[in-house]
Protein backbone atom coordinates (compact mmCIF):
# COMPACT_ATOMS: atom_id res chain seq x y z
CA MET A 1 0.00 0.00 0.00
CA SER A 2 1.26 3.45 -0.75
CA ARG A 3 1.84 5.99 1.96
CA ILE A 4 1.64 9.75 1.79
CA HIS A 5 4.39 11.49 3.71
CA HIS A 6 4.43 15.06 4.88
CA GLY A 7 7.85 14.69 6.43
CA ASP A 8 7.07 15.38 10.09
CA GLY A 9 7.49 11.75 11.13
CA GLY A 10 4.32 11.78 13.23
CA PRO A 11 1.71 9.03 13.44
CA ILE A 12 -0.33 10.59 10.61
CA ASP A 13 2.56 9.72 8.29
CA SER A 14 2.11 6.05 9.13
CA LEU A 15 -1.37 5.94 7.55
CA THR A 16 -1.77 4.33 4.14
CA GLU A 17 -3.45 6.22 1.34
CA ARG A 18 -6.62 4.14 1.86
CA GLU A 19 -6.63 4.84 5.61
CA ARG A 20 -6.32 8.56 4.90
CA GLU A 21 -9.20 8.34 2.46
CA ILE A 22 -11.36 6.65 5.10
CA ILE A 23 -10.50 9.15 7.83
CA ARG A 24 -11.26 12.05 5.46
CA LEU A 25 -14.69 10.55 4.81
CA TRP A 26 -15.23 10.08 8.56
CA THR A 27 -14.42 13.73 9.15
CA GLY A 28 -17.01 14.53 6.49
CA GLY A 29 -19.62 12.69 8.55
CA LYS A 30 -19.89 9.54 6.43
CA THR A 31 -20.88 6.23 8.01
CA ASP A 32 -19.01 2.98 7.48
CA LYS A 33 -21.81 1.78 5.20
CA GLN A 34 -21.63 4.96 3.10
CA ILE A 35 -17.85 4.75 2.89
CA ALA A 36 -17.97 1.06 1.92
CA GLY A 37 -20.40 1.88 -0.88
CA LYS A 38 -18.31 4.79 -2.12
CA LEU A 39 -15.06 2.82 -2.09
CA ASP A 40 -16.67 -0.43 -3.29
CA ILE A 41 -15.39 -2.45 -0.33
CA SER A 42 -17.17 -4.25 2.51
CA VAL A 43 -18.14 -2.71 5.84
CA GLU A 44 -15.93 -5.34 7.48
CA THR A 45 -12.96 -4.00 5.50
CA ILE A 46 -13.77 -0.50 6.76
CA LYS A 47 -13.80 -1.85 10.31
CA SER A 48 -10.43 -3.50 9.74
CA HIS A 49 -8.98 -0.22 8.47
CA ALA A 50 -10.55 1.53 11.48
CA LYS A 51 -8.67 -0.74 13.90
CA HIS A 52 -5.39 0.00 12.12
CA ILE A 53 -6.07 3.76 12.10
CA LEU A 54 -6.79 3.83 15.85
CA LEU A 55 -3.64 1.85 16.61
CA LYS A 56 -1.42 3.95 14.37
CA LEU A 57 -2.74 7.25 15.74
CA HIS A 58 -2.62 6.05 19.36
CA VAL A 59 -6.26 6.99 20.01
CA HIS A 60 -9.24 5.22 21.55
CA ASN A 61 -12.04 6.14 19.16
CA ARG A 62 -12.87 7.58 15.77
CA THR A 63 -13.68 11.02 17.13
CA GLU A 64 -10.16 11.30 18.54
CA ALA A 65 -8.74 9.98 15.26
CA CYS A 66 -10.66 12.55 13.23
CA TYR A 67 -9.58 15.34 15.53
CA LYS A 68 -5.92 14.30 15.38
CA PHE A 69 -6.13 14.05 11.58
CA TRP A 70 -7.88 17.44 11.36
CA LEU A 71 -5.15 19.03 13.49
CA SER A 72 -2.49 17.58 11.21
CA GLN A 73 -4.12 19.25 8.21
CA GLN A 74 -4.08 22.74 9.71
CA LYS A 75 -1.42 25.10 8.46
CA GLN A 76 1.28 25.76 10.98
CA PRO A 77 2.29 29.39 11.55
CA PRO A 78 5.78 30.24 10.35
CA LYS A 79 8.48 29.80 12.97
CA ARG A 80 10.05 32.93 14.38
CA LYS A 81 13.78 33.40 14.02
């Protein structure tokens, strides 16, 4: 599976492209059933990806995972010299 790297070395970087796609759809309010239909995979496959996402992000639930992912997508202010 391919991975998308942003270079910060954090847990978000450990997600596969598919896992990122799923978490983006979660943050958009989609259910597992809706995601499975959109991606043409089973709900059980979504649940399997969900377990991997939670482990990789070191969180206990999907809400925490979405929040952590959302934070990672925010632009960081430039560092002061």
